[in-house]
C-alpha atoms as a PDB file:
ATOM      1  CA  UNK A   1     145.159 100.052 152.855  1.00  0.00           C
ATOM      2  CA  UNK A   2     141.942  99.544 154.803  1.00  0.00           C
ATOM      3  CA  UNK A   3     143.801  99.616 158.131  1.00  0.00           C
ATOM      4  CA  UNK A   4     145.588 102.818 157.156  1.00  0.00           C
ATOM      5  CA  UNK A   5     142.291 104.399 156.087  1.00  0.00           C
ATOM      6  CA  UNK A   6     140.647 103.575 159.437  1.00  0.00           C
ATOM      7  CA  UNK A   7     143.613 104.969 161.380  1.00  0.00           C
ATOM      8  CA  UNK A   8     143.841 108.188 159.402  1.00  0.00           C
ATOM      9  CA  UNK A   9     140.166 108.933 158.694  1.00  0.00           C
ATOM     10  CA  UNK A  10     139.431 110.163 162.217  1.00  0.00           C
ATOM     11  CA  UNK A  11     142.313 112.648 162.034  1.00  0.00           C
ATOM     12  CA  UNK A  12     141.711 113.860 158.500  1.00  0.00           C
ATOM     13  CA  UNK A  13     138.919 116.339 159.222  1.00  0.00           C
ATOM     14  CA  UNK A  14     140.762 118.142 162.010  1.00  0.00           C
ATOM     15  CA  UNK A  15     144.035 118.232 160.070  1.00  0.00           C
ATOM     16  CA  UNK A  16     142.222 119.465 156.945  1.00  0.00           C
ATOM     17  CA  UNK A  17     140.580 122.310 158.890  1.00  0.00           C
ATOM     18  CA  UNK A  18     143.948 123.516 160.205  1.00  0.00           C
ATOM     19  CA  UNK A  19     145.573 123.271 156.770  1.00  0.00           C
ATOM     20  CA  UNK A  20     142.643 125.058 155.084  1.00  0.00           C
ATOM     21  CA  UNK A  21     142.618 127.954 157.553  1.00  0.00           C
ATOM     22  CA  UNK A  22     146.359 128.438 157.113  1.00  0.00           C
ATOM     23  CA  UNK A  23     146.070 128.041 153.330  1.00  0.00           C
ATOM     24  CA  UNK A  24     143.238 130.551 152.969  1.00  0.00           C
ATOM     25  CA  UNK A  25     145.198 133.181 154.928  1.00  0.00           C
ATOM     26  CA  UNK A  26     148.417 132.378 153.045  1.00  0.00           C
ATOM     27  CA  UNK A  27     146.790 132.735 149.634  1.00  0.00           C
ATOM     28  CA  UNK A  28     145.130 136.020 150.628  1.00  0.00           C
ATOM     29  CA  UNK A  29     148.595 137.272 151.595  1.00  0.00           C
ATOM     30  CA  UNK A  30     149.964 135.997 148.273  1.00  0.00           C
ATOM     31  CA  UNK A  31     147.347 137.965 146.338  1.00  0.00           C
ATOM     32  CA  UNK A  32     147.907 141.086 148.448  1.00  0.00           C
ATOM     33  CA  UNK A  33     151.665 141.049 147.812  1.00  0.00           C
ATOM     34  CA  UNK A  34     151.703 139.874 144.186  1.00  0.00           C
ATOM     35  CA  UNK A  35     149.295 142.620 143.095  1.00  0.00           C
ATOM     36  CA  UNK A  36     151.425 145.507 144.450  1.00  0.00           C
ATOM     37  CA  UNK A  37     152.639 147.900 141.735  1.00  0.00           C
ATOM     38  CA  UNK A  38     156.283 146.960 142.154  1.00  0.00           C
ATOM     39  CA  UNK A  39     155.414 143.242 141.839  1.00  0.00           C
ATOM     40  CA  UNK A  40     153.408 143.380 138.623  1.00  0.00           C
ATOM     41  CA  UNK A  41     154.857 141.061 135.964  1.00  0.00           C
ATOM     42  CA  UNK A  42     153.751 138.230 133.694  1.00  0.00           C
ATOM     43  CA  UNK A  43     155.009 135.605 136.153  1.00  0.00           C
ATOM     44  CA  UNK A  44     153.313 137.229 139.135  1.00  0.00           C
ATOM     45  CA  UNK A  45     150.078 137.565 137.157  1.00  0.00           C
ATOM     46  CA  UNK A  46     150.012 133.775 136.737  1.00  0.00           C
ATOM     47  CA  UNK A  47     150.991 133.278 140.383  1.00  0.00           C
ATOM     48  CA  UNK A  48     148.090 135.548 141.393  1.00  0.00           C
ATOM     49  CA  UNK A  49     145.669 133.455 139.342  1.00  0.00           C
ATOM     50  CA  UNK A  50     147.139 130.369 141.001  1.00  0.00           C
ATOM     51  CA  UNK A  51     146.694 131.885 144.478  1.00  0.00           C
ATOM     52  CA  UNK A  52     143.026 132.626 143.680  1.00  0.00           C
ATOM     53  CA  UNK A  53     142.302 129.064 142.556  1.00  0.00           C
ATOM     54  CA  UNK A  54     144.274 127.525 145.447  1.00  0.00           C
ATOM     55  CA  UNK A  55     142.469 129.765 147.938  1.00  0.00           C
ATOM     56  CA  UNK A  56     139.053 128.911 146.477  1.00  0.00           C
ATOM     57  CA  UNK A  57     139.902 125.202 146.685  1.00  0.00           C
ATOM     58  CA  UNK A  58     140.475 125.590 150.419  1.00  0.00           C
ATOM     59  CA  UNK A  59     137.451 127.851 150.925  1.00  0.00           C
ATOM     60  CA  UNK A  60     135.301 125.050 149.482  1.00  0.00           C
ATOM     61  CA  UNK A  61     137.067 122.256 151.392  1.00  0.00           C
ATOM     62  CA  UNK A  62     136.805 123.901 154.826  1.00  0.00           C
ATOM     63  CA  UNK A  63     132.986 123.579 155.267  1.00  0.00           C
ATOM     64  CA  UNK A  64     133.159 120.146 153.605  1.00  0.00           C
ATOM     65  CA  UNK A  65     135.683 118.926 156.193  1.00  0.00           C
ATOM     66  CA  UNK A  66     133.712 120.464 159.068  1.00  0.00           C
ATOM     67  CA  UNK A  67     130.377 118.958 158.011  1.00  0.00           C
ATOM     68  CA  UNK A  68     131.421 115.492 156.862  1.00  0.00           C
ATOM     69  CA  UNK A  69     134.370 114.778 159.159  1.00  0.00           C
ATOM     70  CA  UNK A  70     134.340 116.934 162.297  1.00  0.00           C
ATOM     71  CA  UNK A  71     130.762 117.830 163.296  1.00  0.00           C
ATOM     72  CA  UNK A  72     128.873 114.682 162.292  1.00  0.00           C
ATOM     73  CA  UNK A  73     131.608 112.069 162.007  1.00  0.00           C
ATOM     74  CA  UNK A  74     132.706 110.144 158.955  1.00  0.00           C
ATOM     75  CA  UNK A  75     129.911 107.558 158.733  1.00  0.00           C
ATOM     76  CA  UNK A  76     126.615 108.095 156.897  1.00  0.00           C
ATOM     77  CA  UNK A  77     123.616 108.901 159.114  1.00  0.00           C
ATOM     78  CA  UNK A  78     120.232 110.624 158.901  1.00  0.00           C
ATOM     79  CA  UNK A  79     121.610 113.686 160.741  1.00  0.00           C
ATOM     80  CA  UNK A  80     124.759 113.857 158.608  1.00  0.00           C
ATOM     81  CA  UNK A  81     123.279 113.050 155.212  1.00  0.00           C
ATOM     82  CA  UNK A  82     120.434 115.556 155.012  1.00  0.00           C
ATOM     83  CA  UNK A  83     119.099 116.834 151.702  1.00  0.00           C
ATOM     84  CA  UNK A  84     120.634 120.267 152.336  1.00  0.00           C
ATOM     85  CA  UNK A  85     124.018 118.760 153.178  1.00  0.00           C
ATOM     86  CA  UNK A  86     123.978 116.691 149.991  1.00  0.00           C
ATOM     87  CA  UNK A  87     123.103 119.715 147.887  1.00  0.00           C
ATOM     88  CA  UNK A  88     126.170 121.405 149.331  1.00  0.00           C
ATOM     89  CA  UNK A  89     128.205 118.253 148.637  1.00  0.00           C
ATOM     90  CA  UNK A  90     126.994 118.325 145.031  1.00  0.00           C
ATOM     91  CA  UNK A  91     128.133 121.951 144.726  1.00  0.00           C
ATOM     92  CA  UNK A  92     131.456 121.107 146.362  1.00  0.00           C
ATOM     93  CA  UNK A  93     132.030 118.124 144.051  1.00  0.00           C
ATOM     94  CA  UNK A  94     131.552 120.348 140.983  1.00  0.00           C
ATOM     95  CA  UNK A  95     133.244 123.510 142.248  1.00  0.00           C
ATOM     96  CA  UNK A  96     136.323 121.821 143.721  1.00  0.00           C
ATOM     97  CA  UNK A  97     137.063 119.970 140.480  1.00  0.00           C
ATOM     98  CA  UNK A  98     136.955 123.244 138.522  1.00  0.00           C
ATOM     99  CA  UNK A  99     139.206 125.301 140.821  1.00  0.00           C
ATOM    100  CA  UNK A 100     141.669 122.448 141.372  1.00  0.00           C
ATOM    101  CA  UNK A 101     141.904 121.844 137.626  1.00  0.00           C
ATOM    102  CA  UNK A 102     142.533 125.574 137.162  1.00  0.00           C
ATOM    103  CA  UNK A 103     145.427 125.313 139.641  1.00  0.00           C
ATOM    104  CA  UNK A 104     146.856 122.369 137.722  1.00  0.00           C
ATOM    105  CA  UNK A 105     146.827 124.078 134.329  1.00  0.00           C
ATOM    106  CA  UNK A 106     148.016 127.425 135.704  1.00  0.00           C
ATOM    107  CA  UNK A 107     151.049 125.570 137.050  1.00  0.00           C
ATOM    108  CA  UNK A 108     151.629 124.214 133.540  1.00  0.00           C
ATOM    109  CA  UNK A 109     151.208 127.739 132.128  1.00  0.00           C
ATOM    110  CA  UNK A 110     153.726 129.048 134.656  1.00  0.00           C
ATOM    111  CA  UNK A 111     156.284 126.425 133.611  1.00  0.00           C
ATOM    112  CA  UNK A 112     155.744 127.159 129.895  1.00  0.00           C
ATOM    113  CA  UNK A 113     156.173 130.922 130.382  1.00  0.00           C
ATOM    114  CA  UNK A 114     159.331 130.461 132.435  1.00  0.00           C
ATOM    115  CA  UNK A 115     160.838 128.008 129.954  1.00  0.00           C
ATOM    116  CA  UNK A 116     160.249 130.425 127.058  1.00  0.00           C
ATOM    117  CA  UNK A 117     161.677 133.311 129.088  1.00  0.00           C
ATOM    118  CA  UNK A 118     164.863 131.371 129.921  1.00  0.00           C
ATOM    119  CA  UNK A 119     165.235 129.649 126.542  1.00  0.00           C
ATOM    120  CA  UNK A 120     164.731 132.818 124.492  1.00  0.00           C
ATOM    121  CA  UNK A 121     165.930 135.698 126.706  1.00  0.00           C
ATOM    122  CA  UNK A 122     165.801 138.319 123.923  1.00  0.00           C
ATOM    123  CA  UNK A 123     162.263 137.487 122.780  1.00  0.00           C
ATOM    124  CA  UNK A 124     161.062 136.422 126.221  1.00  0.00           C
ATOM    125  CA  UNK A 125     159.819 139.859 127.263  1.00  0.00           C
ATOM    126  CA  UNK A 126     157.595 139.967 124.165  1.00  0.00           C
ATOM    127  CA  UNK A 127     156.504 136.325 124.059  1.00  0.00           C
ATOM    128  CA  UNK A 128     155.772 136.282 127.794  1.00  0.00           C
ATOM    129  CA  UNK A 129     154.276 139.750 128.161  1.00  0.00           C
ATOM    130  CA  UNK A 130     151.910 140.786 130.941  1.00  0.00           C
ATOM    131  CA  UNK A 131     149.000 140.982 128.486  1.00  0.00           C
ATOM    132  CA  UNK A 132     149.601 137.430 127.270  1.00  0.00           C
ATOM    133  CA  UNK A 133     149.834 136.218 130.849  1.00  0.00           C
ATOM    134  CA  UNK A 134     146.436 137.785 131.611  1.00  0.00           C
ATOM    135  CA  UNK A 135     144.944 136.181 128.493  1.00  0.00           C
ATOM    136  CA  UNK A 136     146.445 132.809 129.462  1.00  0.00           C
ATOM    137  CA  UNK A 137     144.989 132.977 132.992  1.00  0.00           C
ATOM    138  CA  UNK A 138     141.576 133.974 131.613  1.00  0.00           C
ATOM    139  CA  UNK A 139     141.593 131.144 129.052  1.00  0.00           C
ATOM    140  CA  UNK A 140     142.589 128.569 131.672  1.00  0.00           C
ATOM    141  CA  UNK A 141     139.619 129.524 133.849  1.00  0.00           C
ATOM    142  CA  UNK A 142     137.134 129.549 130.937  1.00  0.00           C
ATOM    143  CA  UNK A 143     138.350 126.375 129.193  1.00  0.00           C
ATOM    144  CA  UNK A 144     138.473 124.476 132.489  1.00  0.00           C
ATOM    145  CA  UNK A 145     134.858 125.426 133.179  1.00  0.00           C
ATOM    146  CA  UNK A 146     133.827 124.099 129.749  1.00  0.00           C
ATOM    147  CA  UNK A 147     135.866 120.889 130.041  1.00  0.00           C
ATOM    148  CA  UNK A 148     134.307 120.137 133.447  1.00  0.00           C
ATOM    149  CA  UNK A 149     130.707 120.337 132.159  1.00  0.00           C
ATOM    150  CA  UNK A 150     130.438 116.499 131.866  1.00  0.00           C
ATOM    151  CA  UNK A 151     131.318 116.311 135.554  1.00  0.00           C
ATOM    152  CA  UNK A 152     128.401 118.622 136.401  1.00  0.00           C
ATOM    153  CA  UNK A 153     125.794 116.540 134.542  1.00  0.00           C
ATOM    154  CA  UNK A 154     126.916 113.069 135.600  1.00  0.00           C
ATOM    155  CA  UNK A 155     126.368 113.475 139.375  1.00  0.00           C
ATOM    156  CA  UNK A 156     123.145 114.122 141.254  1.00  0.00           C
ATOM    157  CA  UNK A 157     121.570 114.021 144.720  1.00  0.00           C
ATOM    158  CA  UNK A 158     119.768 110.765 145.420  1.00  0.00           C
ATOM    159  CA  UNK A 159     117.651 109.571 148.356  1.00  0.00           C
ATOM    160  CA  UNK A 160     117.360 106.141 149.954  1.00  0.00           C
ATOM    161  CA  UNK A 161     114.576 105.404 152.504  1.00  0.00           C
ATOM    162  CA  UNK A 162     115.801 104.040 155.848  1.00  0.00           C
ATOM    163  CA  UNK A 163     113.549 102.364 158.430  1.00  0.00           C
ATOM    164  CA  UNK A 164     114.410 102.567 162.119  1.00  0.00           C
ATOM    165  CA  UNK A 165     112.193 101.964 165.194  1.00  0.00           C
ATOM    166  CA  UNK A 166     109.052 101.960 163.096  1.00  0.00           C
ATOM    167  CA  UNK A 167     109.816 105.290 161.408  1.00  0.00           C
ATOM    168  CA  UNK A 168     111.067 105.915 157.912  1.00  0.00           C
ATOM    169  CA  UNK A 169     113.565 108.636 157.001  1.00  0.00           C
ATOM    170  CA  UNK A 170     115.500 109.387 153.866  1.00  0.00           C
ATOM    171  CA  UNK A 171     119.266 108.973 153.767  1.00  0.00           C
ATOM    172  CA  UNK A 172     120.565 111.314 151.084  1.00  0.00           C
ATOM    173  CA  UNK A 173     123.800 110.914 149.149  1.00  0.00           C
ATOM    174  CA  UNK A 174     125.544 112.123 145.996  1.00  0.00           C
ATOM    175  CA  UNK A 175     125.814 109.522 143.269  1.00  0.00           C
ATOM    176  CA  UNK A 176     126.328 109.085 139.558  1.00  0.00           C
ATOM    177  CA  UNK A 177     123.470 109.066 137.069  1.00  0.00           C
ATOM    178  CA  UNK A 178     123.551 105.582 135.545  1.00  0.00           C
ATOM    179  CA  UNK A 179     119.931 104.981 134.476  1.00  0.00           C
ATOM    180  CA  UNK A 180     120.366 105.282 130.701  1.00  0.00           C
ATOM    181  CA  UNK A 181     123.034 104.512 128.131  1.00  0.00           C
ATOM    182  CA  UNK A 182     123.614 108.234 127.715  1.00  0.00           C
ATOM    183  CA  UNK A 183     124.244 108.548 131.479  1.00  0.00           C
ATOM    184  CA  UNK A 184     126.774 105.705 131.368  1.00  0.00           C
ATOM    185  CA  UNK A 185     128.501 107.194 128.331  1.00  0.00           C
ATOM    186  CA  UNK A 186     128.800 110.627 129.991  1.00  0.00           C
ATOM    187  CA  UNK A 187     130.085 108.987 133.190  1.00  0.00           C
ATOM    188  CA  UNK A 188     132.802 107.055 131.320  1.00  0.00           C
ATOM    189  CA  UNK A 189     133.653 110.055 129.130  1.00  0.00           C
ATOM    190  CA  UNK A 190     134.001 112.258 132.218  1.00  0.00           C
ATOM    191  CA  UNK A 191     136.197 109.704 133.968  1.00  0.00           C
ATOM    192  CA  UNK A 192     138.727 109.666 131.137  1.00  0.00           C
ATOM    193  CA  UNK A 193     138.667 113.466 130.880  1.00  0.00           C
ATOM    194  CA  UNK A 194     139.505 113.683 134.585  1.00  0.00           C
ATOM    195  CA  UNK A 195     142.146 110.953 134.445  1.00  0.00           C
ATOM    196  CA  UNK A 196     143.914 112.112 131.286  1.00  0.00           C
ATOM    197  CA  UNK A 197     143.324 115.847 130.731  1.00  0.00           C
ATOM    198  CA  UNK A 198     143.148 116.858 134.397  1.00  0.00           C
ATOM    199  CA  UNK A 199     145.853 114.612 135.838  1.00  0.00           C
ATOM    200  CA  UNK A 200     148.197 112.691 133.564  1.00  0.00           C
ATOM    201  CA  UNK A 201     148.711 115.093 130.640  1.00  0.00           C
ATOM    202  CA  UNK A 202     149.643 118.113 132.833  1.00  0.00           C
ATOM    203  CA  UNK A 203     151.812 115.924 135.084  1.00  0.00           C
ATOM    204  CA  UNK A 204     153.769 114.459 132.167  1.00  0.00           C
ATOM    205  CA  UNK A 205     154.006 117.923 130.611  1.00  0.00           C
ATOM    206  CA  UNK A 206     155.316 119.427 133.843  1.00  0.00           C
ATOM    207  CA  UNK A 207     157.871 116.641 134.223  1.00  0.00           C
ATOM    208  CA  UNK A 208     159.242 117.343 130.744  1.00  0.00           C
ATOM    209  CA  UNK A 209     159.159 121.111 131.291  1.00  0.00           C
ATOM    210  CA  UNK A 210     160.985 120.760 134.624  1.00  0.00           C
ATOM    211  CA  UNK A 211     163.776 118.783 132.974  1.00  0.00           C
ATOM    212  CA  UNK A 212     163.979 121.315 130.135  1.00  0.00           C
ATOM    213  CA  UNK A 213     164.059 124.204 132.604  1.00  0.00           C
ATOM    214  CA  UNK A 214     166.995 122.716 134.509  1.00  0.00           C
ATOM    215  CA  UNK A 215     168.896 122.009 131.280  1.00  0.00           C
ATOM    216  CA  UNK A 216     168.171 125.489 129.907  1.00  0.00           C
ATOM    217  CA  UNK A 217     169.291 127.133 133.163  1.00  0.00           C
ATOM    218  CA  UNK A 218     172.606 125.278 133.018  1.00  0.00           C
ATOM    219  CA  UNK A 219     173.146 126.206 129.359  1.00  0.00           C
ATOM    220  CA  UNK A 220     172.248 129.845 129.982  1.00  0.00           C
ATOM    221  CA  UNK A 221     174.660 130.011 132.902  1.00  0.00           C
ATOM    222  CA  UNK A 222     177.452 128.431 130.835  1.00  0.00           C
ATOM    223  CA  UNK A 223     176.711 130.844 127.961  1.00  0.00           C
ATOM    224  CA  UNK A 224     176.898 133.855 130.283  1.00  0.00           C
ATOM    225  CA  UNK A 225     180.248 132.687 131.673  1.00  0.00           C
ATOM    226  CA  UNK A 226     181.675 132.254 128.171  1.00  0.00           C
ATOM    227  CA  UNK A 227     180.472 135.694 127.118  1.00  0.00           C
ATOM    228  CA  UNK A 228     182.022 137.315 130.178  1.00  0.00           C
ATOM    229  CA  UNK A 229     185.327 135.544 129.550  1.00  0.00           C
ATOM    230  CA  UNK A 230     185.431 136.442 125.834  1.00  0.00           C
ATOM    231  CA  UNK A 231     184.166 140.000 126.189  1.00  0.00           C
ATOM    232  CA  UNK A 232     186.763 142.589 125.288  1.00  0.00           C
ATOM    233  CA  UNK A 233     187.479 145.118 126.489  1.00  0.00           C
ATOM    234  CA  UNK A 234     186.690 143.973 129.977  1.00  0.00           C
ATOM    235  CA  UNK A 235     183.432 145.448 131.303  1.00  0.00           C
ATOM    236  CA  UNK A 236     183.488 148.006 134.063  1.00  0.00           C
ATOM    237  CA  UNK A 237     183.044 146.852 137.635  1.00  0.00           C
ATOM    238  CA  UNK A 238     179.604 148.466 137.927  1.00  0.00           C
ATOM    239  CA  UNK A 239     178.174 146.926 134.720  1.00  0.00           C
ATOM    240  CA  UNK A 240     179.616 143.551 135.618  1.00  0.00           C
ATOM    241  CA  UNK A 241     178.056 143.760 139.072  1.00  0.00           C
ATOM    242  CA  UNK A 242     174.696 144.781 137.581  1.00  0.00           C
ATOM    243  CA  UNK A 243     174.779 141.871 135.137  1.00  0.00           C
ATOM    244  CA  UNK A 244     175.748 139.424 137.875  1.00  0.00           C
ATOM    245  CA  UNK A 245     172.957 140.684 140.148  1.00  0.00           C
ATOM    246  CA  UNK A 246     170.421 140.404 137.333  1.00  0.00           C
ATOM    247  CA  UNK A 247     171.553 136.855 136.531  1.00  0.00           C
ATOM    248  CA  UNK A 248     171.310 135.798 140.169  1.00  0.00           C
ATOM    249  CA  UNK A 249     167.813 137.284 140.439  1.00  0.00           C
ATOM    250  CA  UNK A 250     166.685 135.434 137.301  1.00  0.00           C
ATOM    251  CA  UNK A 251     168.116 132.164 138.595  1.00  0.00           C
ATOM    252  CA  UNK A 252     166.495 132.613 142.031  1.00  0.00           C
ATOM    253  CA  UNK A 253     163.116 133.248 140.417  1.00  0.00           C
ATOM    254  CA  UNK A 254     163.463 130.210 138.170  1.00  0.00           C
ATOM    255  CA  UNK A 255     164.488 127.994 141.097  1.00  0.00           C
ATOM    256  CA  UNK A 256     161.509 129.226 143.119  1.00  0.00           C
ATOM    257  CA  UNK A 257     159.083 128.502 140.284  1.00  0.00           C
ATOM    258  CA  UNK A 258     160.745 125.139 139.730  1.00  0.00           C
ATOM    259  CA  UNK A 259     160.141 124.338 143.404  1.00  0.00           C
ATOM    260  CA  UNK A 260     156.447 125.209 142.963  1.00  0.00           C
ATOM    261  CA  UNK A 261     156.255 122.857 139.977  1.00  0.00           C
ATOM    262  CA  UNK A 262     158.140 119.981 141.647  1.00  0.00           C
ATOM    263  CA  UNK A 263     156.022 120.125 144.823  1.00  0.00           C
ATOM    264  CA  UNK A 264     152.931 120.138 142.647  1.00  0.00           C
ATOM    265  CA  UNK A 265     154.157 117.039 140.802  1.00  0.00           C
ATOM    266  CA  UNK A 266     154.850 115.187 144.064  1.00  0.00           C
ATOM    267  CA  UNK A 267     151.189 115.532 145.080  1.00  0.00           C
ATOM    268  CA  UNK A 268     149.416 115.297 141.715  1.00  0.00           C
ATOM    269  CA  UNK A 269     151.339 112.590 139.861  1.00  0.00           C
ATOM    270  CA  UNK A 270     150.410 109.803 142.329  1.00  0.00           C
ATOM    271  CA  UNK A 271     146.745 110.844 142.063  1.00  0.00           C
ATOM    272  CA  UNK A 272     146.942 110.692 138.284  1.00  0.00           C
ATOM    273  CA  UNK A 273     148.376 107.171 138.371  1.00  0.00           C
ATOM    274  CA  UNK A 274     145.724 106.065 140.879  1.00  0.00           C
ATOM    275  CA  UNK A 275     142.959 107.552 138.712  1.00  0.00           C
ATOM    276  CA  UNK A 276     144.227 105.712 135.640  1.00  0.00           C
ATOM    277  CA  UNK A 277     144.530 102.385 137.451  1.00  0.00           C
ATOM    278  CA  UNK A 278     141.002 102.846 138.812  1.00  0.00           C
ATOM    279  CA  UNK A 279     139.707 102.868 135.259  1.00  0.00           C
ATOM    280  CA  UNK A 280     141.781  99.876 134.175  1.00  0.00           C
ATOM    281  CA  UNK A 281     141.404  97.554 137.190  1.00  0.00           C
ATOM    282  CA  UNK A 282     137.923  96.711 138.528  1.00  0.00           C
ATOM    283  CA  UNK A 283     138.889  96.069 142.166  1.00  0.00           C
ATOM    284  CA  UNK A 284     141.389  98.939 142.409  1.00  0.00           C
ATOM    285  CA  UNK A 285     138.839 101.619 143.362  1.00  0.00           C
ATOM    286  CA  UNK A 286     137.574  99.920 146.527  1.00  0.00           C
ATOM    287  CA  UNK A 287     140.847  98.292 147.563  1.00  0.00           C
ATOM    288  CA  UNK A 288     143.315 101.137 146.945  1.00  0.00           C
ATOM    289  CA  UNK A 289     141.873 104.382 145.539  1.00  0.00           C
ATOM    290  CA  UNK A 290     139.081 105.019 148.067  1.00  0.00           C
ATOM    291  CA  UNK A 291     141.180 104.093 151.151  1.00  0.00           C
ATOM    292  CA  UNK A 292     143.892 106.534 150.024  1.00  0.00           C
ATOM    293  CA  UNK A 293     141.449 109.306 149.040  1.00  0.00           C
ATOM    294  CA  UNK A 294     141.639 111.293 152.281  1.00  0.00           C
ATOM    295  CA  UNK A 295     145.432 111.107 152.425  1.00  0.00           C
ATOM    296  CA  UNK A 296     145.708 112.309 148.820  1.00  0.00           C
ATOM    297  CA  UNK A 297     143.337 115.169 149.656  1.00  0.00           C
ATOM    298  CA  UNK A 298     145.473 116.398 152.534  1.00  0.00           C
ATOM    299  CA  UNK A 299     148.622 116.279 150.382  1.00  0.00           C
ATOM    300  CA  UNK A 300     146.875 118.385 147.730  1.00  0.00           C
ATOM    301  CA  UNK A 301     145.666 120.857 150.375  1.00  0.00           C
ATOM    302  CA  UNK A 302     149.165 121.225 151.826  1.00  0.00           C
ATOM    303  CA  UNK A 303     150.487 121.892 148.335  1.00  0.00           C
ATOM    304  CA  UNK A 304     147.796 124.556 147.806  1.00  0.00           C
ATOM    305  CA  UNK A 305     148.900 126.421 150.922  1.00  0.00           C
ATOM    306  CA  UNK A 306     152.660 126.029 150.890  1.00  0.00           C
ATOM    307  CA  UNK A 307     153.493 128.469 148.085  1.00  0.00           C
ATOM    308  CA  UNK A 308     153.493 131.415 150.490  1.00  0.00           C
ATOM    309  CA  UNK A 309     156.357 129.835 152.437  1.00  0.00           C
ATOM    310  CA  UNK A 310     158.251 129.183 149.203  1.00  0.00           C
ATOM    311  CA  UNK A 311     157.868 132.788 148.078  1.00  0.00           C
ATOM    312  CA  UNK A 312     159.003 134.117 151.463  1.00  0.00           C
ATOM    313  CA  UNK A 313     162.077 131.900 151.663  1.00  0.00           C
ATOM    314  CA  UNK A 314     163.160 132.046 147.994  1.00  0.00           C
ATOM    315  CA  UNK A 315     162.178 135.524 146.756  1.00  0.00           C
ATOM    316  CA  UNK A 316     163.784 138.606 148.323  1.00  0.00           C
ATOM    317  CA  UNK A 317     161.456 140.910 146.376  1.00  0.00           C
ATOM    318  CA  UNK A 318     158.368 139.100 147.686  1.00  0.00           C
ATOM    319  CA  UNK A 319     159.766 139.117 151.217  1.00  0.00           C
ATOM    320  CA  UNK A 320     160.631 142.834 151.123  1.00  0.00           C
ATOM    321  CA  UNK A 321     157.235 143.737 149.657  1.00  0.00           C
ATOM    322  CA  UNK A 322     155.446 141.619 152.260  1.00  0.00           C
ATOM    323  CA  UNK A 323     157.297 143.406 155.075  1.00  0.00           C
ATOM    324  CA  UNK A 324     156.553 146.784 153.500  1.00  0.00           C
ATOM    325  CA  UNK A 325     152.814 146.050 153.128  1.00  0.00           C
ATOM    326  CA  UNK A 326     152.219 144.360 156.472  1.00  0.00           C
END
């Protein structure tokens, strides 16, 4: 792990900058297309909220990668670890957790809405209305902010005097408050919130929802075939074509959203397992978790920026609207 970390660390900053620039532009395009009048729907409302949180994640990561990987290298130094830089790092540590957690739970919300829509097609339009989608997005942002409060209070900027050539300077860094029992309790409490509520619970939930979505799609398709075969008198060619087109559109949308969920799981589930093991095994953090941190970050960033490509390749409506707008 250590050898891999040394080999990759020098590349991470440059790769992250490229991915972030692409991701920021892609998510701006997502928002521009998904908010057109002809695109307004409950699903697209959630996807818009997801594009905002994904874009903000990359907006925060871009200056972080430039400052702490590209411009001043990856090792701590007086020039790199200034008080101002650490104040920014403190902001980034808090802000990035909030917006990334929002992305995680909006993906869960998206899967829940789609499952209800497919499972209960008659009630789906009511249960998964645009208003309820807006309320769900709003609640995800607000509740995430509240849940992440322990993360805000457990970290702080700290200074450590360094002597060199007869002069003394302060090397600043961001660390955990561990002076009192209350600090230690908040630190441990925050760790388990991040490991369980932010990572494992949504990942397990999305895994179950993905399986249910696939099963429900198959059942719905089989039900539609049986209804068409048993329907009498036979439907007209035009109504049959309209029904078939509508079914194909629904299936394409569900497959696209399922792809968003599966790609999310591929990047987030390993991080959730690593977080949990870090809390259970004392040596795991330094030997495995920290060396893989940069690689996990780049996977998450790629996932935050790839949705635009999925929408373009899997949604004709998105593609047509994109061409019309731009």
